[in-house]
Amino acid sequence: MSDTRTSTPNDSLDLGSPSAVEDLARRFDATPTQIREAAVAVGHRIADIEMHLKGTRSASNEERMEQAPPSGARP
């Protein structure tokens, strides 16, 4: 039986394996589509996919913070 979990930063994702994509999506709290898009953007190294996902989430959170009303402001 093959283990699809990762243990080193040099591991690569097999996009041809739906179970590997789904496992990684669960691991990174992402959708399989987000995993595939990240792999297209940065390659198949799992560490790179993780950093890409973290970066896109950070940007999204930063944008939300910029749009939030100032502390103490009433809507």
PDB file of N, CA and C in Angstrom:
ATOM      1  N   MET A   1       0.844  -1.174   0.000  1.00  0.00           N
ATOM      2  CA  MET A   1       0.000   0.000   0.000  1.00  0.00           C
ATOM      3  C   MET A   1       0.886   1.233   0.000  1.00  0.00           C
ATOM      4  N   SER A   2       0.569   2.193  -0.835  1.00  0.00           N
ATOM      5  CA  SER A   2       1.369   3.403  -0.970  1.00  0.00           C
ATOM      6  C   SER A   2       0.905   4.463   0.015  1.00  0.00           C
ATOM      7  N   ASP A   3       1.852   5.159   0.629  1.00  0.00           N
ATOM      8  CA  ASP A   3       1.550   6.225   1.566  1.00  0.00           C
ATOM      9  C   ASP A   3       1.640   7.548   0.823  1.00  0.00           C
ATOM     10  N   THR A   4       0.541   8.308   0.753  1.00  0.00           N
ATOM     11  CA  THR A   4       0.534   9.570   0.015  1.00  0.00           C
ATOM     12  C   THR A   4       0.883  10.757   0.902  1.00  0.00           C
ATOM     13  N   ARG A   5       1.102  10.521   2.204  1.00  0.00           N
ATOM     14  CA  ARG A   5       1.499  11.623   3.078  1.00  0.00           C
ATOM     15  C   ARG A   5       2.917  12.040   2.744  1.00  0.00           C
ATOM     16  N   THR A   6       3.267  13.233   3.161  1.00  0.00           N
ATOM     17  CA  THR A   6       4.595  13.742   2.863  1.00  0.00           C
ATOM     18  C   THR A   6       5.428  13.816   4.120  1.00  0.00           C
ATOM     19  N   SER A   7       6.766  13.750   3.946  1.00  0.00           N
ATOM     20  CA  SER A   7       7.630  13.818   5.114  1.00  0.00           C
ATOM     21  C   SER A   7       8.808  14.759   4.921  1.00  0.00           C
ATOM     22  N   THR A   8       9.108  15.134   3.697  1.00  0.00           N
ATOM     23  CA  THR A   8      10.216  16.046   3.462  1.00  0.00           C
ATOM     24  C   THR A   8       9.781  17.158   2.525  1.00  0.00           C
ATOM     25  N   PRO A   9      10.475  18.317   2.568  1.00  0.00           N
ATOM     26  CA  PRO A   9      10.092  19.417   1.693  1.00  0.00           C
ATOM     27  C   PRO A   9      10.316  19.132   0.215  1.00  0.00           C
ATOM     28  N   ASN A  10      11.054  18.077  -0.127  1.00  0.00           N
ATOM     29  CA  ASN A  10      11.353  17.762  -1.525  1.00  0.00           C
ATOM     30  C   ASN A  10      10.313  16.864  -2.167  1.00  0.00           C
ATOM     31  N   ASP A  11       9.319  16.456  -1.410  1.00  0.00           N
ATOM     32  CA  ASP A  11       8.276  15.593  -1.964  1.00  0.00           C
ATOM     33  C   ASP A  11       7.499  16.323  -3.049  1.00  0.00           C
ATOM     34  N   SER A  12       7.060  15.574  -4.033  1.00  0.00           N
ATOM     35  CA  SER A  12       6.279  16.144  -5.132  1.00  0.00           C
ATOM     36  C   SER A  12       4.886  15.560  -5.135  1.00  0.00           C
ATOM     37  N   LEU A  13       3.959  16.358  -5.605  1.00  0.00           N
ATOM     38  CA  LEU A  13       2.570  15.938  -5.722  1.00  0.00           C
ATOM     39  C   LEU A  13       2.346  15.321  -7.090  1.00  0.00           C
ATOM     40  N   ASP A  14       1.672  14.195  -7.097  1.00  0.00           N
ATOM     41  CA  ASP A  14       1.266  13.551  -8.352  1.00  0.00           C
ATOM     42  C   ASP A  14      -0.139  14.037  -8.677  1.00  0.00           C
ATOM     43  N   LEU A  15      -0.237  15.002  -9.598  1.00  0.00           N
ATOM     44  CA  LEU A  15      -1.545  15.541  -9.962  1.00  0.00           C
ATOM     45  C   LEU A  15      -2.439  14.510 -10.630  1.00  0.00           C
ATOM     46  N   GLY A  16      -1.852  13.438 -11.120  1.00  0.00           N
ATOM     47  CA  GLY A  16      -2.630  12.372 -11.742  1.00  0.00           C
ATOM     48  C   GLY A  16      -3.312  11.463 -10.734  1.00  0.00           C
ATOM     49  N   SER A  17      -3.021  11.677  -9.460  1.00  0.00           N
ATOM     50  CA  SER A  17      -3.616  10.862  -8.408  1.00  0.00           C
ATOM     51  C   SER A  17      -4.657  11.674  -7.646  1.00  0.00           C
ATOM     52  N   PRO A  18      -5.944  11.438  -7.929  1.00  0.00           N
ATOM     53  CA  PRO A  18      -6.985  12.191  -7.226  1.00  0.00           C
ATOM     54  C   PRO A  18      -6.886  12.069  -5.707  1.00  0.00           C
ATOM     55  N   SER A  19      -6.517  10.895  -5.217  1.00  0.00           N
ATOM     56  CA  SER A  19      -6.432  10.727  -3.762  1.00  0.00           C
ATOM     57  C   SER A  19      -5.289  11.553  -3.178  1.00  0.00           C
ATOM     58  N   ALA A  20      -4.169  11.675  -3.903  1.00  0.00           N
ATOM     59  CA  ALA A  20      -3.054  12.490  -3.416  1.00  0.00           C
ATOM     60  C   ALA A  20      -3.443  13.963  -3.368  1.00  0.00           C
ATOM     61  N   VAL A  21      -4.172  14.418  -4.384  1.00  0.00           N
ATOM     62  CA  VAL A  21      -4.630  15.814  -4.423  1.00  0.00           C
ATOM     63  C   VAL A  21      -5.616  16.070  -3.283  1.00  0.00           C
ATOM     64  N   GLU A  22      -6.540  15.155  -3.083  1.00  0.00           N
ATOM     65  CA  GLU A  22      -7.532  15.308  -2.013  1.00  0.00           C
ATOM     66  C   GLU A  22      -6.874  15.260  -0.634  1.00  0.00           C
ATOM     67  N   ASP A  23      -5.903  14.378  -0.450  1.00  0.00           N
ATOM     68  CA  ASP A  23      -5.189  14.303   0.827  1.00  0.00           C
ATOM     69  C   ASP A  23      -4.471  15.613   1.122  1.00  0.00           C
ATOM     70  N   LEU A  24      -3.821  16.163   0.113  1.00  0.00           N
ATOM     71  CA  LEU A  24      -3.096  17.417   0.298  1.00  0.00           C
ATOM     72  C   LEU A  24      -4.074  18.570   0.544  1.00  0.00           C
ATOM     73  N   ALA A  25      -5.211  18.540  -0.114  1.00  0.00           N
ATOM     74  CA  ALA A  25      -6.226  19.573   0.106  1.00  0.00           C
ATOM     75  C   ALA A  25      -6.694  19.555   1.556  1.00  0.00           C
ATOM     76  N   ARG A  26      -6.932  18.376   2.090  1.00  0.00           N
ATOM     77  CA  ARG A  26      -7.325  18.275   3.503  1.00  0.00           C
ATOM     78  C   ARG A  26      -6.202  18.763   4.404  1.00  0.00           C
ATOM     79  N   ARG A  27      -4.998  18.374   4.096  1.00  0.00           N
ATOM     80  CA  ARG A  27      -3.841  18.756   4.915  1.00  0.00           C
ATOM     81  C   ARG A  27      -3.668  20.273   4.970  1.00  0.00           C
ATOM     82  N   PHE A  28      -3.902  20.957   3.856  1.00  0.00           N
ATOM     83  CA  PHE A  28      -3.696  22.401   3.789  1.00  0.00           C
ATOM     84  C   PHE A  28      -4.994  23.190   3.901  1.00  0.00           C
ATOM     85  N   ASP A  29      -6.087  22.514   4.253  1.00  0.00           N
ATOM     86  CA  ASP A  29      -7.389  23.162   4.386  1.00  0.00           C
ATOM     87  C   ASP A  29      -7.713  23.969   3.131  1.00  0.00           C
ATOM     88  N   ALA A  30      -7.638  23.305   2.008  1.00  0.00           N
ATOM     89  CA  ALA A  30      -7.883  23.918   0.702  1.00  0.00           C
ATOM     90  C   ALA A  30      -8.776  22.981  -0.099  1.00  0.00           C
ATOM     91  N   THR A  31      -9.196  23.444  -1.258  1.00  0.00           N
ATOM     92  CA  THR A  31      -9.972  22.583  -2.146  1.00  0.00           C
ATOM     93  C   THR A  31      -9.011  21.893  -3.119  1.00  0.00           C
ATOM     94  N   PRO A  32      -9.420  20.774  -3.684  1.00  0.00           N
ATOM     95  CA  PRO A  32      -8.584  20.140  -4.705  1.00  0.00           C
ATOM     96  C   PRO A  32      -8.279  21.094  -5.869  1.00  0.00           C
ATOM     97  N   THR A  33      -9.241  21.933  -6.221  1.00  0.00           N
ATOM     98  CA  THR A  33      -9.016  22.902  -7.299  1.00  0.00           C
ATOM     99  C   THR A  33      -7.911  23.878  -6.915  1.00  0.00           C
ATOM    100  N   GLN A  34      -7.919  24.350  -5.675  1.00  0.00           N
ATOM    101  CA  GLN A  34      -6.860  25.257  -5.223  1.00  0.00           C
ATOM    102  C   GLN A  34      -5.496  24.575  -5.260  1.00  0.00           C
ATOM    103  N   ILE A  35      -5.459  23.302  -4.911  1.00  0.00           N
ATOM    104  CA  ILE A  35      -4.204  22.547  -4.949  1.00  0.00           C
ATOM    105  C   ILE A  35      -3.708  22.454  -6.393  1.00  0.00           C
ATOM    106  N   ARG A  36      -4.595  22.106  -7.311  1.00  0.00           N
ATOM    107  CA  ARG A  36      -4.195  21.995  -8.720  1.00  0.00           C
ATOM    108  C   ARG A  36      -3.727  23.341  -9.274  1.00  0.00           C
ATOM    109  N   GLU A  37      -4.453  24.409  -8.954  1.00  0.00           N
ATOM    110  CA  GLU A  37      -4.065  25.739  -9.428  1.00  0.00           C
ATOM    111  C   GLU A  37      -2.707  26.155  -8.865  1.00  0.00           C
ATOM    112  N   ALA A  38      -2.465  25.838  -7.612  1.00  0.00           N
ATOM    113  CA  ALA A  38      -1.175  26.153  -7.006  1.00  0.00           C
ATOM    114  C   ALA A  38      -0.057  25.376  -7.688  1.00  0.00           C
ATOM    115  N   ALA A  39      -0.304  24.104  -7.994  1.00  0.00           N
ATOM    116  CA  ALA A  39       0.707  23.284  -8.661  1.00  0.00           C
ATOM    117  C   ALA A  39       1.018  23.827 -10.053  1.00  0.00           C
ATOM    118  N   VAL A  40       0.004  24.313 -10.744  1.00  0.00           N
ATOM    119  CA  VAL A  40       0.221  24.910 -12.067  1.00  0.00           C
ATOM    120  C   VAL A  40       1.055  26.183 -11.921  1.00  0.00           C
ATOM    121  N   ALA A  41       0.790  26.950 -10.877  1.00  0.00           N
ATOM    122  CA  ALA A  41       1.472  28.228 -10.678  1.00  0.00           C
ATOM    123  C   ALA A  41       2.924  28.062 -10.236  1.00  0.00           C
ATOM    124  N   VAL A  42       3.189  27.098  -9.330  1.00  0.00           N
ATOM    125  CA  VAL A  42       4.532  27.022  -8.733  1.00  0.00           C
ATOM    126  C   VAL A  42       5.254  25.697  -8.939  1.00  0.00           C
ATOM    127  N   GLY A  43       4.599  24.725  -9.516  1.00  0.00           N
ATOM    128  CA  GLY A  43       5.227  23.421  -9.699  1.00  0.00           C
ATOM    129  C   GLY A  43       4.668  22.400  -8.727  1.00  0.00           C
ATOM    130  N   HIS A  44       5.217  21.212  -8.745  1.00  0.00           N
ATOM    131  CA  HIS A  44       4.636  20.087  -8.014  1.00  0.00           C
ATOM    132  C   HIS A  44       5.269  19.829  -6.655  1.00  0.00           C
ATOM    133  N   ARG A  45       6.279  20.593  -6.271  1.00  0.00           N
ATOM    134  CA  ARG A  45       6.868  20.407  -4.936  1.00  0.00           C
ATOM    135  C   ARG A  45       5.855  20.826  -3.884  1.00  0.00           C
ATOM    136  N   ILE A  46       5.600  19.938  -2.951  1.00  0.00           N
ATOM    137  CA  ILE A  46       4.582  20.185  -1.939  1.00  0.00           C
ATOM    138  C   ILE A  46       4.925  21.410  -1.095  1.00  0.00           C
ATOM    139  N   ALA A  47       6.183  21.606  -0.772  1.00  0.00           N
ATOM    140  CA  ALA A  47       6.578  22.779   0.007  1.00  0.00           C
ATOM    141  C   ALA A  47       6.255  24.069  -0.752  1.00  0.00           C
ATOM    142  N   ASP A  48       6.457  24.071  -2.065  1.00  0.00           N
ATOM    143  CA  ASP A  48       6.145  25.251  -2.871  1.00  0.00           C
ATOM    144  C   ASP A  48       4.638  25.492  -2.941  1.00  0.00           C
ATOM    145  N   ILE A  49       3.879  24.423  -3.051  1.00  0.00           N
ATOM    146  CA  ILE A  49       2.419  24.535  -3.071  1.00  0.00           C
ATOM    147  C   ILE A  49       1.934  25.124  -1.751  1.00  0.00           C
ATOM    148  N   GLU A  50       2.480  24.625  -0.658  1.00  0.00           N
ATOM    149  CA  GLU A  50       2.096  25.128   0.666  1.00  0.00           C
ATOM    150  C   GLU A  50       2.403  26.621   0.795  1.00  0.00           C
ATOM    151  N   MET A  51       3.585  27.030   0.389  1.00  0.00           N
ATOM    152  CA  MET A  51       3.956  28.442   0.484  1.00  0.00           C
ATOM    153  C   MET A  51       3.070  29.297  -0.411  1.00  0.00           C
ATOM    154  N   HIS A  52       2.747  28.797  -1.582  1.00  0.00           N
ATOM    155  CA  HIS A  52       1.863  29.533  -2.489  1.00  0.00           C
ATOM    156  C   HIS A  52       0.487  29.727  -1.854  1.00  0.00           C
ATOM    157  N   LEU A  53      -0.054  28.666  -1.275  1.00  0.00           N
ATOM    158  CA  LEU A  53      -1.361  28.766  -0.638  1.00  0.00           C
ATOM    159  C   LEU A  53      -1.321  29.727   0.540  1.00  0.00           C
ATOM    160  N   LYS A  54      -0.278  29.663   1.339  1.00  0.00           N
ATOM    161  CA  LYS A  54      -0.148  30.580   2.469  1.00  0.00           C
ATOM    162  C   LYS A  54      -0.039  32.014   1.987  1.00  0.00           C
ATOM    163  N   GLY A  55       0.686  32.218   0.907  1.00  0.00           N
ATOM    164  CA  GLY A  55       0.842  33.561   0.362  1.00  0.00           C
ATOM    165  C   GLY A  55      -0.463  34.118  -0.166  1.00  0.00           C
ATOM    166  N   THR A  56      -1.254  33.302  -0.834  1.00  0.00           N
ATOM    167  CA  THR A  56      -2.513  33.806  -1.372  1.00  0.00           C
ATOM    168  C   THR A  56      -3.492  34.077  -0.244  1.00  0.00           C
ATOM    169  N   ARG A  57      -3.431  33.292   0.795  1.00  0.00           N
ATOM    170  CA  ARG A  57      -4.320  33.544   1.936  1.00  0.00           C
ATOM    171  C   ARG A  57      -3.890  34.798   2.677  1.00  0.00           C
ATOM    172  N   SER A  58      -2.584  35.014   2.808  1.00  0.00           N
ATOM    173  CA  SER A  58      -2.098  36.210   3.485  1.00  0.00           C
ATOM    174  C   SER A  58      -2.544  37.453   2.742  1.00  0.00           C
ATOM    175  N   ALA A  59      -2.440  37.420   1.419  1.00  0.00           N
ATOM    176  CA  ALA A  59      -2.853  38.579   0.635  1.00  0.00           C
ATOM    177  C   ALA A  59      -4.346  38.818   0.810  1.00  0.00           C
ATOM    178  N   SER A  60      -5.116  37.760   0.822  1.00  0.00           N
ATOM    179  CA  SER A  60      -6.552  37.908   0.984  1.00  0.00           C
ATOM    180  C   SER A  60      -6.880  38.488   2.355  1.00  0.00           C
ATOM    181  N   ASN A  61      -6.209  38.002   3.390  1.00  0.00           N
ATOM    182  CA  ASN A  61      -6.448  38.518   4.731  1.00  0.00           C
ATOM    183  C   ASN A  61      -6.024  39.975   4.827  1.00  0.00           C
ATOM    184  N   GLU A  62      -4.907  40.327   4.205  1.00  0.00           N
ATOM    185  CA  GLU A  62      -4.432  41.702   4.224  1.00  0.00           C
ATOM    186  C   GLU A  62      -5.455  42.622   3.550  1.00  0.00           C
ATOM    187  N   GLU A  63      -5.994  42.191   2.432  1.00  0.00           N
ATOM    188  CA  GLU A  63      -7.005  42.986   1.739  1.00  0.00           C
ATOM    189  C   GLU A  63      -8.242  43.170   2.604  1.00  0.00           C
ATOM    190  N   ARG A  64      -8.651  42.118   3.303  1.00  0.00           N
ATOM    191  CA  ARG A  64      -9.819  42.234   4.179  1.00  0.00           C
ATOM    192  C   ARG A  64      -9.556  43.210   5.309  1.00  0.00           C
ATOM    193  N   MET A  65      -8.342  43.199   5.849  1.00  0.00           N
ATOM    194  CA  MET A  65      -7.998  44.117   6.931  1.00  0.00           C
ATOM    195  C   MET A  65      -8.033  45.559   6.437  1.00  0.00           C
ATOM    196  N   GLU A  66      -7.589  45.799   5.220  1.00  0.00           N
ATOM    197  CA  GLU A  66      -7.608  47.145   4.663  1.00  0.00           C
ATOM    198  C   GLU A  66      -9.037  47.631   4.455  1.00  0.00           C
ATOM    199  N   GLN A  67      -9.956  46.719   4.174  1.00  0.00           N
ATOM    200  CA  GLN A  67     -11.336  47.088   3.919  1.00  0.00           C
ATOM    201  C   GLN A  67     -12.161  47.190   5.206  1.00  0.00           C
ATOM    202  N   ALA A  68     -11.633  46.671   6.299  1.00  0.00           N
ATOM    203  CA  ALA A  68     -12.365  46.675   7.568  1.00  0.00           C
ATOM    204  C   ALA A  68     -12.447  48.093   8.112  1.00  0.00           C
ATOM    205  N   PRO A  69     -13.555  48.413   8.793  1.00  0.00           N
ATOM    206  CA  PRO A  69     -13.651  49.725   9.414  1.00  0.00           C
ATOM    207  C   PRO A  69     -12.629  49.849  10.545  1.00  0.00           C
ATOM    208  N   PRO A  70     -12.191  51.057  10.838  1.00  0.00           N
ATOM    209  CA  PRO A  70     -11.226  51.241  11.921  1.00  0.00           C
ATOM    210  C   PRO A  70     -11.775  50.708  13.235  1.00  0.00           C
ATOM    211  N   SER A  71     -10.883  50.292  14.123  1.00  0.00           N
ATOM    212  CA  SER A  71     -11.298  49.789  15.433  1.00  0.00           C
ATOM    213  C   SER A  71     -12.122  50.846  16.146  1.00  0.00           C
ATOM    214  N   GLY A  72     -13.198  50.422  16.747  1.00  0.00           N
ATOM    215  CA  GLY A  72     -14.048  51.329  17.502  1.00  0.00           C
ATOM    216  C   GLY A  72     -15.085  52.040  16.643  1.00  0.00           C
ATOM    217  N   ALA A  73     -14.981  51.907  15.333  1.00  0.00           N
ATOM    218  CA  ALA A  73     -15.947  52.560  14.445  1.00  0.00           C
ATOM    219  C   ALA A  73     -17.252  51.778  14.468  1.00  0.00           C
ATOM    220  N   ARG A  74     -18.341  52.481  14.401  1.00  0.00           N
ATOM    221  CA  ARG A  74     -19.658  51.817  14.367  1.00  0.00           C
ATOM    222  C   ARG A  74     -20.158  51.758  12.935  1.00  0.00           C
ATOM    223  N   PRO A  75     -20.738  50.646  12.557  1.00  0.00           N
ATOM    224  CA  PRO A  75     -21.278  50.511  11.194  1.00  0.00           C
ATOM    225  C   PRO A  75     -22.457  51.390  10.939  1.00  0.00           C
TER     226      PRO A  75
END
